[in-house]
Protein backbone atom coordinates (compact mmCIF):
# COMPACT_ATOMS: atom_id res chain seq x y z
CA UNK A 1 -14.59 4.01 0.45
CA UNK A 2 -11.40 3.64 2.06
CA UNK A 3 -9.87 0.24 2.79
CA UNK A 4 -7.28 -1.16 5.12
CA UNK A 5 -4.60 -3.67 4.75
CA UNK A 6 -2.01 -5.34 7.02
CA UNK A 7 1.57 -5.56 6.08
CA UNK A 8 2.84 -9.14 7.08
CA UNK A 9 5.99 -8.94 9.36
CA UNK A 10 8.11 -11.11 6.76
CA UNK A 11 7.08 -8.51 4.48
CA UNK A 12 8.44 -5.43 6.37
CA UNK A 13 12.11 -5.25 5.44
CA UNK A 14 11.10 -5.36 1.47
CA UNK A 15 8.17 -2.43 2.36
CA UNK A 16 11.16 -0.27 3.91
CA UNK A 17 13.34 -1.10 1.07
CA UNK A 18 10.60 0.39 -1.19
CA UNK A 19 9.80 2.86 0.78
CA UNK A 20 13.49 4.25 0.71
CA UNK A 21 13.60 3.66 -2.96
CA UNK A 22 10.29 5.88 -3.53
CA UNK A 23 11.95 8.49 -1.51
CA UNK A 24 14.93 8.58 -3.35
CA UNK A 25 13.17 8.94 -6.83
CA UNK A 26 10.83 11.55 -5.42
CA UNK A 27 13.95 13.47 -4.10
CA UNK A 28 15.47 13.02 -7.96
CA UNK A 29 12.59 14.22 -9.51
CA UNK A 30 11.44 10.74 -10.88
CA UNK A 31 8.14 9.43 -11.11
CA UNK A 32 7.35 5.53 -9.56
CA UNK A 33 4.80 3.16 -9.62
CA UNK A 34 3.88 2.38 -5.86
CA UNK A 35 1.26 -0.43 -5.72
CA UNK A 36 -0.48 -3.01 -3.39
CA UNK A 37 -2.03 -6.04 -4.56
CA UNK A 38 -5.12 -7.96 -3.68
CA UNK A 39 -6.79 -11.19 -4.85
CA UNK A 40 -9.86 -9.00 -6.19
CA UNK A 41 -10.66 -5.64 -6.77
CA UNK A 42 -12.65 -3.71 -3.87
CA UNK A 43 -15.87 -2.65 -5.41
CA UNK A 44 -16.35 0.36 -3.59
CA UNK A 45 -12.61 1.53 -3.56
CA UNK A 46 -11.90 4.48 -6.26
CA UNK A 47 -9.09 6.60 -7.01
CA UNK A 48 -8.88 9.24 -4.66
CA UNK A 49 -9.55 6.75 -1.81
CA UNK A 50 -7.24 5.66 0.98
CA UNK A 51 -5.25 2.58 1.74
CA UNK A 52 -4.59 2.37 5.60
CA UNK A 53 -1.79 0.26 6.39
CA UNK A 54 -1.58 -2.08 9.74
CA UNK A 55 1.67 -3.24 10.85
CA UNK A 56 3.16 -4.03 14.15
CA UNK A 57 -0.53 -4.17 15.77
CA UNK A 58 -1.20 -0.78 14.75
CA UNK A 59 -2.98 1.32 11.79
CA UNK A 60 0.10 3.75 11.15
CA UNK A 61 -0.85 5.53 8.10
CA UNK A 62 -1.97 5.54 4.44
CA UNK A 63 -1.12 6.16 0.67
CA UNK A 64 -4.18 7.53 -1.68
CA UNK A 65 -5.06 5.42 -4.28
CA UNK A 66 -4.54 6.78 -8.15
CA UNK A 67 -5.34 3.70 -10.27
CA UNK A 68 -5.92 0.15 -10.85
CA UNK A 69 -3.90 -2.45 -12.92
CA UNK A 70 -3.92 -6.38 -13.01
CA UNK A 71 -0.47 -7.00 -13.54
CA UNK A 72 2.63 -5.31 -12.24
CA UNK A 73 5.97 -6.63 -11.00
CA UNK A 74 7.92 -5.35 -7.80
CA UNK A 75 11.35 -3.73 -9.00
CA UNK A 76 12.43 -4.06 -5.09
CA UNK A 77 11.85 -7.81 -4.92
CA UNK A 78 11.30 -8.94 -8.57
CA UNK A 79 8.00 -10.64 -7.89
CA UNK A 80 5.32 -10.72 -10.17
CA UNK A 81 1.76 -9.79 -9.05
CA UNK A 82 -1.49 -10.68 -10.65
CA UNK A 83 -5.15 -10.21 -9.41
CA UNK A 84 -5.91 -6.42 -8.71
CA UNK A 85 -2.97 -4.30 -8.18
CA UNK A 86 -4.15 -0.66 -6.52
CA UNK A 87 -1.74 1.81 -7.86
CA UNK A 88 -0.71 4.35 -4.85
CA UNK A 89 0.68 7.76 -4.67
CA UNK A 90 4.10 7.60 -3.53
CA UNK A 91 3.70 9.93 -0.57
CA UNK A 92 3.02 8.12 2.47
CA UNK A 93 0.85 9.87 5.22
CA UNK A 94 1.45 8.90 8.83
CA UNK A 95 -1.55 8.90 11.11
CA UNK A 96 -0.74 10.88 13.82
CA UNK A 97 -1.64 8.47 16.70
CA UNK A 98 -1.42 4.72 15.60
CA UNK A 99 -4.86 3.14 16.29
CA UNK A 100 -3.96 -0.31 18.00
CA UNK A 101 -5.46 -3.56 16.39
CA UNK A 102 -4.52 -6.78 15.03
CA UNK A 103 -3.70 -7.77 11.51
CA UNK A 104 -5.84 -9.68 9.07
CA UNK A 105 -5.73 -11.30 5.78
CA UNK A 106 -7.06 -9.28 2.81
CA UNK A 107 -8.55 -5.85 3.08
CA UNK A 108 -11.35 -4.70 4.96
CA UNK A 109 -13.30 -1.37 4.51
CA UNK A 110 -12.85 1.37 6.56
CA UNK A 111 -16.03 2.93 8.17
């Protein structure tokens, strides 16, 4: 089952840098891990499901889930993350018409 998460406004610059790094790696034929961490693993989230992202008061797109880990380090910020790290396909899929909604903490299942 798909989930949605919010990118906090204070993290948007880091996310943009990560997206640029991912795009460069793909362009150069390199493999890169892209991930999003939550405090606990969503029980109904599986490989192949989607993680939708909300920022600037709208759901704007998604990444597909390709795996899970419990300890990862961000190569952009150097931050170490523990908990449930959801490993994502590096390709971001824009949704054609962003869906207005307020942000929230944690994750929610998409119905």
